[in-house]
Amino acid sequence: MKLVCLLAALTLLPACGGNSAGGTDSGIRGNALLGPACPVEPCSVSEPPYTGSFLVQKDGTVVAKVKTDEKGRFQVRLEPGRYVLASESAGLPLLKPVDVTVQAHEYTDVELAFDSGIR
């Protein structure tokens, strides 16, 4: 009997952990770019990936800090609900607040555009 309980606990344990702010099968994922890349248009340089972090807020409270990888990609697990993605600080690069709705058992794809301040 003890062995059965131990096996059941080990089977359920992965569902309890992880570095997430919420659910196990829902959240947001996507890419972040930094632009504009040139002070004048037309620009022959593509916008580089944004490598940094941003905040995920729910009802005005920060629920996660998300870091992008070297290609600007990110993914974070979140419970279903409405969230706002925003800059960590008021300086550049700036991300204007982005409203995102996470559905149960789905990842919402998001493209983020961080303002480089180049004009």
PDB file of N, CA and C in Angstrom:
ATOM      1  N   MET A   1       0.823  -1.194   0.000  1.00  0.00           N
ATOM      2  CA  MET A   1       0.000   0.000   0.000  1.00  0.00           C
ATOM      3  C   MET A   1       0.864   1.254   0.000  1.00  0.00           C
ATOM      4  N   LYS A   2       1.940   1.256   0.808  1.00  0.00           N
ATOM      5  CA  LYS A   2       2.833   2.409   0.841  1.00  0.00           C
ATOM      6  C   LYS A   2       3.465   2.643  -0.525  1.00  0.00           C
ATOM      7  N   LEU A   3       3.811   1.556  -1.219  1.00  0.00           N
ATOM      8  CA  LEU A   3       4.414   1.677  -2.535  1.00  0.00           C
ATOM      9  C   LEU A   3       3.431   2.299  -3.524  1.00  0.00           C
ATOM     10  N   VAL A   4       2.170   1.939  -3.454  1.00  0.00           N
ATOM     11  CA  VAL A   4       1.152   2.503  -4.340  1.00  0.00           C
ATOM     12  C   VAL A   4       1.003   3.999  -4.090  1.00  0.00           C
ATOM     13  N   CYS A   5       0.977   4.413  -2.816  1.00  0.00           N
ATOM     14  CA  CYS A   5       0.866   5.830  -2.473  1.00  0.00           C
ATOM     15  C   CYS A   5       2.096   6.608  -2.956  1.00  0.00           C
ATOM     16  N   LEU A   6       3.273   6.018  -2.796  1.00  0.00           N
ATOM     17  CA  LEU A   6       4.501   6.668  -3.236  1.00  0.00           C
ATOM     18  C   LEU A   6       4.496   6.846  -4.752  1.00  0.00           C
ATOM     19  N   LEU A   7       4.109   5.812  -5.478  1.00  0.00           N
ATOM     20  CA  LEU A   7       4.050   5.902  -6.938  1.00  0.00           C
ATOM     21  C   LEU A   7       3.024   6.942  -7.383  1.00  0.00           C
ATOM     22  N   ALA A   8       1.905   7.024  -6.713  1.00  0.00           N
ATOM     23  CA  ALA A   8       0.883   8.017  -7.055  1.00  0.00           C
ATOM     24  C   ALA A   8       1.415   9.426  -6.808  1.00  0.00           C
ATOM     25  N   ALA A   9       2.122   9.617  -5.705  1.00  0.00           N
ATOM     26  CA  ALA A   9       2.678  10.933  -5.398  1.00  0.00           C
ATOM     27  C   ALA A   9       3.735  11.334  -6.418  1.00  0.00           C
ATOM     28  N   LEU A  10       4.597  10.400  -6.823  1.00  0.00           N
ATOM     29  CA  LEU A  10       5.626  10.698  -7.810  1.00  0.00           C
ATOM     30  C   LEU A  10       5.020  10.999  -9.177  1.00  0.00           C
ATOM     31  N   THR A  11       3.909  10.369  -9.497  1.00  0.00           N
ATOM     32  CA  THR A  11       3.236  10.615 -10.770  1.00  0.00           C
ATOM     33  C   THR A  11       2.633  12.008 -10.806  1.00  0.00           C
ATOM     34  N   LEU A  12       2.078  12.475  -9.696  1.00  0.00           N
ATOM     35  CA  LEU A  12       1.425  13.782  -9.643  1.00  0.00           C
ATOM     36  C   LEU A  12       2.390  14.927  -9.370  1.00  0.00           C
ATOM     37  N   LEU A  13       3.571  14.646  -8.866  1.00  0.00           N
ATOM     38  CA  LEU A  13       4.517  15.676  -8.486  1.00  0.00           C
ATOM     39  C   LEU A  13       4.888  16.622  -9.622  1.00  0.00           C
ATOM     40  N   PRO A  14       5.157  16.174 -10.845  1.00  0.00           N
ATOM     41  CA  PRO A  14       5.514  17.118 -11.912  1.00  0.00           C
ATOM     42  C   PRO A  14       4.428  18.151 -12.197  1.00  0.00           C
ATOM     43  N   ALA A  15       3.193  17.839 -11.948  1.00  0.00           N
ATOM     44  CA  ALA A  15       2.106  18.794 -12.196  1.00  0.00           C
ATOM     45  C   ALA A  15       2.115  19.935 -11.196  1.00  0.00           C
ATOM     46  N   CYS A  16       2.839  19.797 -10.100  1.00  0.00           N
ATOM     47  CA  CYS A  16       2.844  20.821  -9.059  1.00  0.00           C
ATOM     48  C   CYS A  16       3.969  21.826  -9.218  1.00  0.00           C
ATOM     49  N   GLY A  17       5.014  21.487  -9.944  1.00  0.00           N
ATOM     50  CA  GLY A  17       6.186  22.346  -9.967  1.00  0.00           C
ATOM     51  C   GLY A  17       6.353  23.112 -11.252  1.00  0.00           C
ATOM     52  N   GLY A  18       7.558  23.608 -11.449  1.00  0.00           N
ATOM     53  CA  GLY A  18       7.883  24.343 -12.664  1.00  0.00           C
ATOM     54  C   GLY A  18       8.059  25.816 -12.388  1.00  0.00           C
ATOM     55  N   ASN A  19       8.729  26.492 -13.317  1.00  0.00           N
ATOM     56  CA  ASN A  19       8.959  27.926 -13.160  1.00  0.00           C
ATOM     57  C   ASN A  19       7.917  28.679 -13.954  1.00  0.00           C
ATOM     58  N   SER A  20       6.704  28.642 -13.497  1.00  0.00           N
ATOM     59  CA  SER A  20       5.607  29.283 -14.206  1.00  0.00           C
ATOM     60  C   SER A  20       4.808  30.129 -13.242  1.00  0.00           C
ATOM     61  N   ALA A  21       3.934  30.937 -13.835  1.00  0.00           N
ATOM     62  CA  ALA A  21       3.052  31.752 -13.025  1.00  0.00           C
ATOM     63  C   ALA A  21       1.663  31.154 -12.996  1.00  0.00           C
ATOM     64  N   GLY A  22       1.508  29.930 -13.491  1.00  0.00           N
ATOM     65  CA  GLY A  22       0.154  29.411 -13.525  1.00  0.00           C
ATOM     66  C   GLY A  22       0.029  28.013 -14.035  1.00  0.00           C
ATOM     67  N   GLY A  23      -0.969  27.814 -14.907  1.00  0.00           N
ATOM     68  CA  GLY A  23      -1.394  26.508 -15.379  1.00  0.00           C
ATOM     69  C   GLY A  23      -0.314  25.734 -16.097  1.00  0.00           C
ATOM     70  N   THR A  24      -0.592  24.459 -16.283  1.00  0.00           N
ATOM     71  CA  THR A  24       0.391  23.586 -16.912  1.00  0.00           C
ATOM     72  C   THR A  24       0.224  23.497 -18.414  1.00  0.00           C
ATOM     73  N   ASP A  25      -0.929  23.862 -18.939  1.00  0.00           N
ATOM     74  CA  ASP A  25      -1.138  23.709 -20.382  1.00  0.00           C
ATOM     75  C   ASP A  25      -1.747  24.943 -21.032  1.00  0.00           C
ATOM     76  N   SER A  26      -1.517  26.113 -20.442  1.00  0.00           N
ATOM     77  CA  SER A  26      -1.985  27.360 -21.049  1.00  0.00           C
ATOM     78  C   SER A  26      -0.991  28.465 -20.734  1.00  0.00           C
ATOM     79  N   GLY A  27      -1.016  29.521 -21.557  1.00  0.00           N
ATOM     80  CA  GLY A  27      -0.113  30.631 -21.325  1.00  0.00           C
ATOM     81  C   GLY A  27       0.061  31.460 -22.577  1.00  0.00           C
ATOM     82  N   ILE A  28       1.211  32.133 -22.661  1.00  0.00           N
ATOM     83  CA  ILE A  28       1.535  32.931 -23.836  1.00  0.00           C
ATOM     84  C   ILE A  28       2.900  32.518 -24.359  1.00  0.00           C
ATOM     85  N   ARG A  29       3.094  32.709 -25.653  1.00  0.00           N
ATOM     86  CA  ARG A  29       4.395  32.474 -26.274  1.00  0.00           C
ATOM     87  C   ARG A  29       4.482  33.373 -27.489  1.00  0.00           C
ATOM     88  N   GLY A  30       5.684  33.627 -27.935  1.00  0.00           N
ATOM     89  CA  GLY A  30       5.810  34.460 -29.109  1.00  0.00           C
ATOM     90  C   GLY A  30       7.203  34.976 -29.330  1.00  0.00           C
ATOM     91  N   ASN A  31       7.258  36.103 -30.052  1.00  0.00           N
ATOM     92  CA  ASN A  31       8.510  36.738 -30.425  1.00  0.00           C
ATOM     93  C   ASN A  31       8.458  38.210 -30.062  1.00  0.00           C
ATOM     94  N   ALA A  32       9.629  38.759 -29.776  1.00  0.00           N
ATOM     95  CA  ALA A  32       9.749  40.184 -29.476  1.00  0.00           C
ATOM     96  C   ALA A  32      10.806  40.786 -30.397  1.00  0.00           C
ATOM     97  N   LEU A  33      10.449  41.913 -31.020  1.00  0.00           N
ATOM     98  CA  LEU A  33      11.366  42.619 -31.910  1.00  0.00           C
ATOM     99  C   LEU A  33      11.639  44.008 -31.366  1.00  0.00           C
ATOM    100  N   LEU A  34      12.775  44.582 -31.774  1.00  0.00           N
ATOM    101  CA  LEU A  34      13.178  45.909 -31.352  1.00  0.00           C
ATOM    102  C   LEU A  34      13.249  46.800 -32.583  1.00  0.00           C
ATOM    103  N   GLY A  35      12.465  47.866 -32.589  1.00  0.00           N
ATOM    104  CA  GLY A  35      12.472  48.722 -33.770  1.00  0.00           C
ATOM    105  C   GLY A  35      12.019  50.127 -33.443  1.00  0.00           C
ATOM    106  N   PRO A  36      12.135  51.055 -34.331  1.00  0.00           N
ATOM    107  CA  PRO A  36      12.714  50.853 -35.651  1.00  0.00           C
ATOM    108  C   PRO A  36      14.223  50.622 -35.583  1.00  0.00           C
ATOM    109  N   ALA A  37      14.746  50.013 -36.664  1.00  0.00           N
ATOM    110  CA  ALA A  37      16.167  49.702 -36.723  1.00  0.00           C
ATOM    111  C   ALA A  37      16.964  50.820 -37.387  1.00  0.00           C
ATOM    112  N   CYS A  38      16.275  51.722 -38.101  1.00  0.00           N
ATOM    113  CA  CYS A  38      16.934  52.816 -38.812  1.00  0.00           C
ATOM    114  C   CYS A  38      16.249  54.143 -38.488  1.00  0.00           C
ATOM    115  N   PRO A  39      17.016  55.246 -38.529  1.00  0.00           N
ATOM    116  CA  PRO A  39      16.407  56.542 -38.248  1.00  0.00           C
ATOM    117  C   PRO A  39      15.559  57.093 -39.394  1.00  0.00           C
ATOM    118  N   VAL A  40      15.702  56.557 -40.584  1.00  0.00           N
ATOM    119  CA  VAL A  40      14.922  57.031 -41.732  1.00  0.00           C
ATOM    120  C   VAL A  40      14.352  55.844 -42.494  1.00  0.00           C
ATOM    121  N   GLU A  41      13.268  56.088 -43.211  1.00  0.00           N
ATOM    122  CA  GLU A  41      12.659  55.052 -44.049  1.00  0.00           C
ATOM    123  C   GLU A  41      12.977  55.350 -45.503  1.00  0.00           C
ATOM    124  N   PRO A  42      13.087  54.435 -46.397  1.00  0.00           N
ATOM    125  CA  PRO A  42      13.000  53.004 -46.126  1.00  0.00           C
ATOM    126  C   PRO A  42      14.275  52.479 -45.464  1.00  0.00           C
ATOM    127  N   CYS A  43      14.114  51.428 -44.719  1.00  0.00           N
ATOM    128  CA  CYS A  43      15.218  50.840 -43.970  1.00  0.00           C
ATOM    129  C   CYS A  43      15.513  49.462 -44.543  1.00  0.00           C
ATOM    130  N   SER A  44      16.763  49.218 -44.877  1.00  0.00           N
ATOM    131  CA  SER A  44      17.132  47.923 -45.453  1.00  0.00           C
ATOM    132  C   SER A  44      17.573  46.918 -44.393  1.00  0.00           C
ATOM    133  N   VAL A  45      17.539  47.339 -43.131  1.00  0.00           N
ATOM    134  CA  VAL A  45      17.935  46.470 -42.024  1.00  0.00           C
ATOM    135  C   VAL A  45      16.671  45.953 -41.340  1.00  0.00           C
ATOM    136  N   SER A  46      16.584  44.647 -41.157  1.00  0.00           N
ATOM    137  CA  SER A  46      15.414  44.095 -40.463  1.00  0.00           C
ATOM    138  C   SER A  46      15.523  44.363 -38.965  1.00  0.00           C
ATOM    139  N   GLU A  47      14.371  44.425 -38.329  1.00  0.00           N
ATOM    140  CA  GLU A  47      14.347  44.675 -36.885  1.00  0.00           C
ATOM    141  C   GLU A  47      14.979  43.504 -36.148  1.00  0.00           C
ATOM    142  N   PRO A  48      15.914  43.796 -35.248  1.00  0.00           N
ATOM    143  CA  PRO A  48      16.556  42.718 -34.496  1.00  0.00           C
ATOM    144  C   PRO A  48      15.633  42.187 -33.405  1.00  0.00           C
ATOM    145  N   PRO A  49      15.925  40.971 -32.929  1.00  0.00           N
ATOM    146  CA  PRO A  49      15.141  40.456 -31.809  1.00  0.00           C
ATOM    147  C   PRO A  49      15.416  41.272 -30.549  1.00  0.00           C
ATOM    148  N   TYR A  50      14.402  41.392 -29.722  1.00  0.00           N
ATOM    149  CA  TYR A  50      14.567  42.047 -28.426  1.00  0.00           C
ATOM    150  C   TYR A  50      15.024  40.988 -27.433  1.00  0.00           C
ATOM    151  N   THR A  51      16.191  41.200 -26.855  1.00  0.00           N
ATOM    152  CA  THR A  51      16.690  40.282 -25.835  1.00  0.00           C
ATOM    153  C   THR A  51      16.681  41.022 -24.503  1.00  0.00           C
ATOM    154  N   GLY A  52      15.708  40.712 -23.730  1.00  0.00           N
ATOM    155  CA  GLY A  52      15.523  41.363 -22.437  1.00  0.00           C
ATOM    156  C   GLY A  52      14.336  40.748 -21.740  1.00  0.00           C
ATOM    157  N   SER A  53      13.663  41.536 -20.936  1.00  0.00           N
ATOM    158  CA  SER A  53      12.524  40.997 -20.202  1.00  0.00           C
ATOM    159  C   SER A  53      11.377  41.992 -20.190  1.00  0.00           C
ATOM    160  N   PHE A  54      10.217  41.481 -19.823  1.00  0.00           N
ATOM    161  CA  PHE A  54       9.008  42.291 -19.689  1.00  0.00           C
ATOM    162  C   PHE A  54       8.149  41.677 -18.595  1.00  0.00           C
ATOM    163  N   LEU A  55       7.116  42.412 -18.192  1.00  0.00           N
ATOM    164  CA  LEU A  55       6.257  41.971 -17.095  1.00  0.00           C
ATOM    165  C   LEU A  55       4.904  41.489 -17.593  1.00  0.00           C
ATOM    166  N   VAL A  56       4.344  40.529 -16.880  1.00  0.00           N
ATOM    167  CA  VAL A  56       2.971  40.081 -17.107  1.00  0.00           C
ATOM    168  C   VAL A  56       2.185  40.485 -15.869  1.00  0.00           C
ATOM    169  N   GLN A  57       1.110  41.244 -16.089  1.00  0.00           N
ATOM    170  CA  GLN A  57       0.295  41.737 -14.980  1.00  0.00           C
ATOM    171  C   GLN A  57      -1.134  41.218 -15.108  1.00  0.00           C
ATOM    172  N   LYS A  58      -1.753  40.984 -13.975  1.00  0.00           N
ATOM    173  CA  LYS A  58      -3.162  40.610 -13.921  1.00  0.00           C
ATOM    174  C   LYS A  58      -3.804  41.469 -12.844  1.00  0.00           C
ATOM    175  N   ASP A  59      -4.818  42.216 -13.222  1.00  0.00           N
ATOM    176  CA  ASP A  59      -5.506  43.111 -12.284  1.00  0.00           C
ATOM    177  C   ASP A  59      -4.539  44.053 -11.576  1.00  0.00           C
ATOM    178  N   GLY A  60      -3.541  44.569 -12.326  1.00  0.00           N
ATOM    179  CA  GLY A  60      -2.589  45.523 -11.776  1.00  0.00           C
ATOM    180  C   GLY A  60      -1.462  44.929 -10.958  1.00  0.00           C
ATOM    181  N   THR A  61      -1.436  43.616 -10.801  1.00  0.00           N
ATOM    182  CA  THR A  61      -0.399  42.946 -10.020  1.00  0.00           C
ATOM    183  C   THR A  61       0.523  42.162 -10.941  1.00  0.00           C
ATOM    184  N   VAL A  62       1.823  42.281 -10.751  1.00  0.00           N
ATOM    185  CA  VAL A  62       2.788  41.528 -11.550  1.00  0.00           C
ATOM    186  C   VAL A  62       2.713  40.058 -11.159  1.00  0.00           C
ATOM    187  N   VAL A  63       2.460  39.200 -12.154  1.00  0.00           N
ATOM    188  CA  VAL A  63       2.388  37.758 -11.889  1.00  0.00           C
ATOM    189  C   VAL A  63       3.572  36.997 -12.482  1.00  0.00           C
ATOM    190  N   ALA A  64       4.322  37.663 -13.393  1.00  0.00           N
ATOM    191  CA  ALA A  64       5.493  37.006 -13.968  1.00  0.00           C
ATOM    192  C   ALA A  64       6.413  38.035 -14.588  1.00  0.00           C
ATOM    193  N   LYS A  65       7.692  37.715 -14.573  1.00  0.00           N
ATOM    194  CA  LYS A  65       8.704  38.462 -15.320  1.00  0.00           C
ATOM    195  C   LYS A  65       9.218  37.482 -16.366  1.00  0.00           C
ATOM    196  N   VAL A  66       9.117  37.873 -17.626  1.00  0.00           N
ATOM    197  CA  VAL A  66       9.456  36.968 -18.722  1.00  0.00           C
ATOM    198  C   VAL A  66      10.726  37.459 -19.407  1.00  0.00           C
ATOM    199  N   LYS A  67      11.656  36.553 -19.626  1.00  0.00           N
ATOM    200  CA  LYS A  67      12.910  36.878 -20.308  1.00  0.00           C
ATOM    201  C   LYS A  67      12.891  36.230 -21.688  1.00  0.00           C
ATOM    202  N   THR A  68      13.257  37.017 -22.697  1.00  0.00           N
ATOM    203  CA  THR A  68      13.329  36.472 -24.049  1.00  0.00           C
ATOM    204  C   THR A  68      14.688  35.819 -24.259  1.00  0.00           C
ATOM    205  N   ASP A  69      14.759  34.917 -25.228  1.00  0.00           N
ATOM    206  CA  ASP A  69      16.052  34.307 -25.544  1.00  0.00           C
ATOM    207  C   ASP A  69      16.787  35.168 -26.576  1.00  0.00           C
ATOM    208  N   GLU A  70      17.919  34.693 -27.066  1.00  0.00           N
ATOM    209  CA  GLU A  70      18.740  35.474 -27.998  1.00  0.00           C
ATOM    210  C   GLU A  70      18.061  35.720 -29.342  1.00  0.00           C
ATOM    211  N   LYS A  71      16.998  34.984 -29.625  1.00  0.00           N
ATOM    212  CA  LYS A  71      16.240  35.192 -30.859  1.00  0.00           C
ATOM    213  C   LYS A  71      14.935  35.952 -30.615  1.00  0.00           C
ATOM    214  N   GLY A  72      14.756  36.445 -29.397  1.00  0.00           N
ATOM    215  CA  GLY A  72      13.562  37.202 -29.060  1.00  0.00           C
ATOM    216  C   GLY A  72      12.352  36.351 -28.724  1.00  0.00           C
ATOM    217  N   ARG A  73      12.529  35.056 -28.611  1.00  0.00           N
ATOM    218  CA  ARG A  73      11.410  34.155 -28.319  1.00  0.00           C
ATOM    219  C   ARG A  73      11.169  34.071 -26.813  1.00  0.00           C
ATOM    220  N   PHE A  74       9.915  33.786 -26.471  1.00  0.00           N
ATOM    221  CA  PHE A  74       9.561  33.635 -25.067  1.00  0.00           C
ATOM    222  C   PHE A  74       8.356  32.710 -24.944  1.00  0.00           C
ATOM    223  N   GLN A  75       8.193  32.179 -23.744  1.00  0.00           N
ATOM    224  CA  GLN A  75       7.027  31.359 -23.414  1.00  0.00           C
ATOM    225  C   GLN A  75       6.871  31.373 -21.902  1.00  0.00           C
ATOM    226  N   VAL A  76       5.620  31.527 -21.455  1.00  0.00           N
ATOM    227  CA  VAL A  76       5.350  31.490 -20.011  1.00  0.00           C
ATOM    228  C   VAL A  76       3.993  30.823 -19.796  1.00  0.00           C
ATOM    229  N   ARG A  77       3.935  29.953 -18.808  1.00  0.00           N
ATOM    230  CA  ARG A  77       2.668  29.293 -18.463  1.00  0.00           C
ATOM    231  C   ARG A  77       1.853  30.215 -17.581  1.00  0.00           C
ATOM    232  N   LEU A  78       0.566  30.337 -17.911  1.00  0.00           N
ATOM    233  CA  LEU A  78      -0.343  31.175 -17.138  1.00  0.00           C
ATOM    234  C   LEU A  78      -1.702  30.512 -17.045  1.00  0.00           C
ATOM    235  N   GLU A  79      -2.384  30.778 -15.964  1.00  0.00           N
ATOM    236  CA  GLU A  79      -3.771  30.327 -15.827  1.00  0.00           C
ATOM    237  C   GLU A  79      -4.628  31.071 -16.855  1.00  0.00           C
ATOM    238  N   PRO A  80      -5.741  30.504 -17.281  1.00  0.00           N
ATOM    239  CA  PRO A  80      -6.643  31.228 -18.178  1.00  0.00           C
ATOM    240  C   PRO A  80      -7.074  32.557 -17.539  1.00  0.00           C
ATOM    241  N   GLY A  81      -7.198  33.585 -18.382  1.00  0.00           N
ATOM    242  CA  GLY A  81      -7.613  34.893 -17.890  1.00  0.00           C
ATOM    243  C   GLY A  81      -7.086  36.007 -18.768  1.00  0.00           C
ATOM    244  N   ARG A  82      -7.317  37.241 -18.319  1.00  0.00           N
ATOM    245  CA  ARG A  82      -6.875  38.428 -19.057  1.00  0.00           C
ATOM    246  C   ARG A  82      -5.626  38.995 -18.402  1.00  0.00           C
ATOM    247  N   TYR A  83      -4.640  39.338 -19.226  1.00  0.00           N
ATOM    248  CA  TYR A  83      -3.355  39.832 -18.748  1.00  0.00           C
ATOM    249  C   TYR A  83      -2.938  41.057 -19.549  1.00  0.00           C
ATOM    250  N   VAL A  84      -1.998  41.809 -18.974  1.00  0.00           N
ATOM    251  CA  VAL A  84      -1.378  42.933 -19.666  1.00  0.00           C
ATOM    252  C   VAL A  84       0.126  42.678 -19.668  1.00  0.00           C
ATOM    253  N   LEU A  85       0.739  42.761 -20.854  1.00  0.00           N
ATOM    254  CA  LEU A  85       2.182  42.643 -20.992  1.00  0.00           C
ATOM    255  C   LEU A  85       2.732  44.058 -21.063  1.00  0.00           C
ATOM    256  N   ALA A  86       3.757  44.368 -20.276  1.00  0.00           N
ATOM    257  CA  ALA A  86       4.262  45.736 -20.195  1.00  0.00           C
ATOM    258  C   ALA A  86       5.763  45.757 -19.937  1.00  0.00           C
ATOM    259  N   SER A  87       6.362  46.926 -20.201  1.00  0.00           N
ATOM    260  CA  SER A  87       7.788  47.141 -19.943  1.00  0.00           C
ATOM    261  C   SER A  87       8.080  47.019 -18.454  1.00  0.00           C
ATOM    262  N   GLU A  88       9.325  46.682 -18.170  1.00  0.00           N
ATOM    263  CA  GLU A  88       9.779  46.653 -16.778  1.00  0.00           C
ATOM    264  C   GLU A  88       9.994  48.055 -16.241  1.00  0.00           C
ATOM    265  N   SER A  89      10.404  48.975 -17.119  1.00  0.00           N
ATOM    266  CA  SER A  89      10.674  50.342 -16.674  1.00  0.00           C
ATOM    267  C   SER A  89      10.072  51.329 -17.670  1.00  0.00           C
ATOM    268  N   ALA A  90      10.109  52.604 -17.322  1.00  0.00           N
ATOM    269  CA  ALA A  90       9.540  53.641 -18.179  1.00  0.00           C
ATOM    270  C   ALA A  90      10.505  54.066 -19.283  1.00  0.00           C
ATOM    271  N   GLY A  91      11.740  53.618 -19.227  1.00  0.00           N
ATOM    272  CA  GLY A  91      12.743  54.005 -20.219  1.00  0.00           C
ATOM    273  C   GLY A  91      12.687  53.147 -21.475  1.00  0.00           C
ATOM    274  N   LEU A  92      13.683  53.369 -22.336  1.00  0.00           N
ATOM    275  CA  LEU A  92      13.787  52.605 -23.575  1.00  0.00           C
ATOM    276  C   LEU A  92      14.592  51.348 -23.339  1.00  0.00           C
ATOM    277  N   PRO A  93      14.336  50.302 -24.066  1.00  0.00           N
ATOM    278  CA  PRO A  93      13.250  50.141 -25.037  1.00  0.00           C
ATOM    279  C   PRO A  93      11.903  50.030 -24.320  1.00  0.00           C
ATOM    280  N   LEU A  94      10.898  50.550 -24.981  1.00  0.00           N
ATOM    281  CA  LEU A  94       9.573  50.649 -24.372  1.00  0.00           C
ATOM    282  C   LEU A  94       8.587  49.706 -25.053  1.00  0.00           C
ATOM    283  N   LEU A  95       7.837  48.982 -24.260  1.00  0.00           N
ATOM    284  CA  LEU A  95       6.740  48.166 -24.755  1.00  0.00           C
ATOM    285  C   LEU A  95       5.449  48.811 -24.299  1.00  0.00           C
ATOM    286  N   LYS A  96       4.661  49.295 -25.251  1.00  0.00           N
ATOM    287  CA  LYS A  96       3.342  49.806 -24.886  1.00  0.00           C
ATOM    288  C   LYS A  96       2.533  48.635 -24.365  1.00  0.00           C
ATOM    289  N   PRO A  97       1.689  48.833 -23.345  1.00  0.00           N
ATOM    290  CA  PRO A  97       0.915  47.722 -22.778  1.00  0.00           C
ATOM    291  C   PRO A  97       0.117  46.964 -23.843  1.00  0.00           C
ATOM    292  N   VAL A  98       0.185  45.640 -23.751  1.00  0.00           N
ATOM    293  CA  VAL A  98      -0.500  44.748 -24.684  1.00  0.00           C
ATOM    294  C   VAL A  98      -1.471  43.885 -23.890  1.00  0.00           C
ATOM    295  N   ASP A  99      -2.762  43.936 -24.242  1.00  0.00           N
ATOM    296  CA  ASP A  99      -3.772  43.089 -23.606  1.00  0.00           C
ATOM    297  C   ASP A  99      -3.774  41.720 -24.256  1.00  0.00           C
ATOM    298  N   VAL A 100      -3.771  40.676 -23.422  1.00  0.00           N
ATOM    299  CA  VAL A 100      -3.757  39.297 -23.917  1.00  0.00           C
ATOM    300  C   VAL A 100      -4.771  38.488 -23.111  1.00  0.00           C
ATOM    301  N   THR A 101      -5.537  37.663 -23.809  1.00  0.00           N
ATOM    302  CA  THR A 101      -6.450  36.736 -23.142  1.00  0.00           C
ATOM    303  C   THR A 101      -5.933  35.321 -23.336  1.00  0.00           C
ATOM    304  N   VAL A 102      -5.772  34.604 -22.237  1.00  0.00           N
ATOM    305  CA  VAL A 102      -5.315  33.217 -22.258  1.00  0.00           C
ATOM    306  C   VAL A 102      -6.532  32.320 -22.066  1.00  0.00           C
ATOM    307  N   GLN A 103      -6.724  31.412 -22.998  1.00  0.00           N
ATOM    308  CA  GLN A 103      -7.816  30.443 -22.930  1.00  0.00           C
ATOM    309  C   GLN A 103      -7.327  29.172 -22.237  1.00  0.00           C
ATOM    310  N   ALA A 104      -8.239  28.427 -21.651  1.00  0.00           N
ATOM    311  CA  ALA A 104      -7.891  27.156 -21.005  1.00  0.00           C
ATOM    312  C   ALA A 104      -7.316  26.193 -22.034  1.00  0.00           C
ATOM    313  N   HIS A 105      -6.262  25.503 -21.672  1.00  0.00           N
ATOM    314  CA  HIS A 105      -5.625  24.457 -22.474  1.00  0.00           C
ATOM    315  C   HIS A 105      -5.063  24.969 -23.802  1.00  0.00           C
ATOM    316  N   GLU A 106      -4.697  26.266 -23.873  1.00  0.00           N
ATOM    317  CA  GLU A 106      -4.138  26.832 -25.104  1.00  0.00           C
ATOM    318  C   GLU A 106      -3.023  27.808 -24.768  1.00  0.00           C
ATOM    319  N   TYR A 107      -2.102  27.952 -25.714  1.00  0.00           N
ATOM    320  CA  TYR A 107      -1.110  29.014 -25.640  1.00  0.00           C
ATOM    321  C   TYR A 107      -1.513  30.090 -26.638  1.00  0.00           C
ATOM    322  N   THR A 108      -1.499  31.340 -26.193  1.00  0.00           N
ATOM    323  CA  THR A 108      -1.820  32.470 -27.048  1.00  0.00           C
ATOM    324  C   THR A 108      -0.523  32.983 -27.655  1.00  0.00           C
ATOM    325  N   ASP A 109      -0.480  33.069 -28.991  1.00  0.00           N
ATOM    326  CA  ASP A 109       0.701  33.567 -29.683  1.00  0.00           C
ATOM    327  C   ASP A 109       0.668  35.091 -29.732  1.00  0.00           C
ATOM    328  N   VAL A 110       1.822  35.703 -29.418  1.00  0.00           N
ATOM    329  CA  VAL A 110       1.918  37.153 -29.321  1.00  0.00           C
ATOM    330  C   VAL A 110       3.188  37.630 -30.023  1.00  0.00           C
ATOM    331  N   GLU A 111       3.074  38.705 -30.797  1.00  0.00           N
ATOM    332  CA  GLU A 111       4.218  39.407 -31.379  1.00  0.00           C
ATOM    333  C   GLU A 111       4.350  40.716 -30.623  1.00  0.00           C
ATOM    334  N   LEU A 112       5.501  40.941 -30.000  1.00  0.00           N
ATOM    335  CA  LEU A 112       5.723  42.167 -29.246  1.00  0.00           C
ATOM    336  C   LEU A 112       6.691  43.076 -29.994  1.00  0.00           C
ATOM    337  N   ALA A 113       6.382  44.372 -30.015  1.00  0.00           N
ATOM    338  CA  ALA A 113       7.201  45.372 -30.687  1.00  0.00           C
ATOM    339  C   ALA A 113       7.724  46.357 -29.654  1.00  0.00           C
ATOM    340  N   PHE A 114       8.985  46.223 -29.289  1.00  0.00           N
ATOM    341  CA  PHE A 114       9.627  47.140 -28.358  1.00  0.00           C
ATOM    342  C   PHE A 114      10.157  48.335 -29.137  1.00  0.00           C
ATOM    343  N   ASP A 115       9.891  49.538 -28.650  1.00  0.00           N
ATOM    344  CA  ASP A 115      10.327  50.767 -29.304  1.00  0.00           C
ATOM    345  C   ASP A 115      11.773  51.053 -28.941  1.00  0.00           C
ATOM    346  N   SER A 116      12.623  51.143 -29.962  1.00  0.00           N
ATOM    347  CA  SER A 116      14.044  51.404 -29.747  1.00  0.00           C
ATOM    348  C   SER A 116      14.342  52.870 -29.454  1.00  0.00           C
ATOM    349  N   GLY A 117      13.413  53.745 -29.839  1.00  0.00           N
ATOM    350  CA  GLY A 117      13.617  55.173 -29.640  1.00  0.00           C
ATOM    351  C   GLY A 117      14.331  55.847 -30.800  1.00  0.00           C
ATOM    352  N   ILE A 118      14.764  55.078 -31.801  1.00  0.00           N
ATOM    353  CA  ILE A 118      15.428  55.662 -32.973  1.00  0.00           C
ATOM    354  C   ILE A 118      14.400  56.401 -33.804  1.00  0.00           C
ATOM    355  N   ARG A 119      14.698  57.652 -34.150  1.00  0.00           N
ATOM    356  CA  ARG A 119      13.778  58.451 -34.978  1.00  0.00           C
ATOM    357  C   ARG A 119      14.522  59.151 -36.061  1.00  0.00           C
TER     358      ARG A 119
END
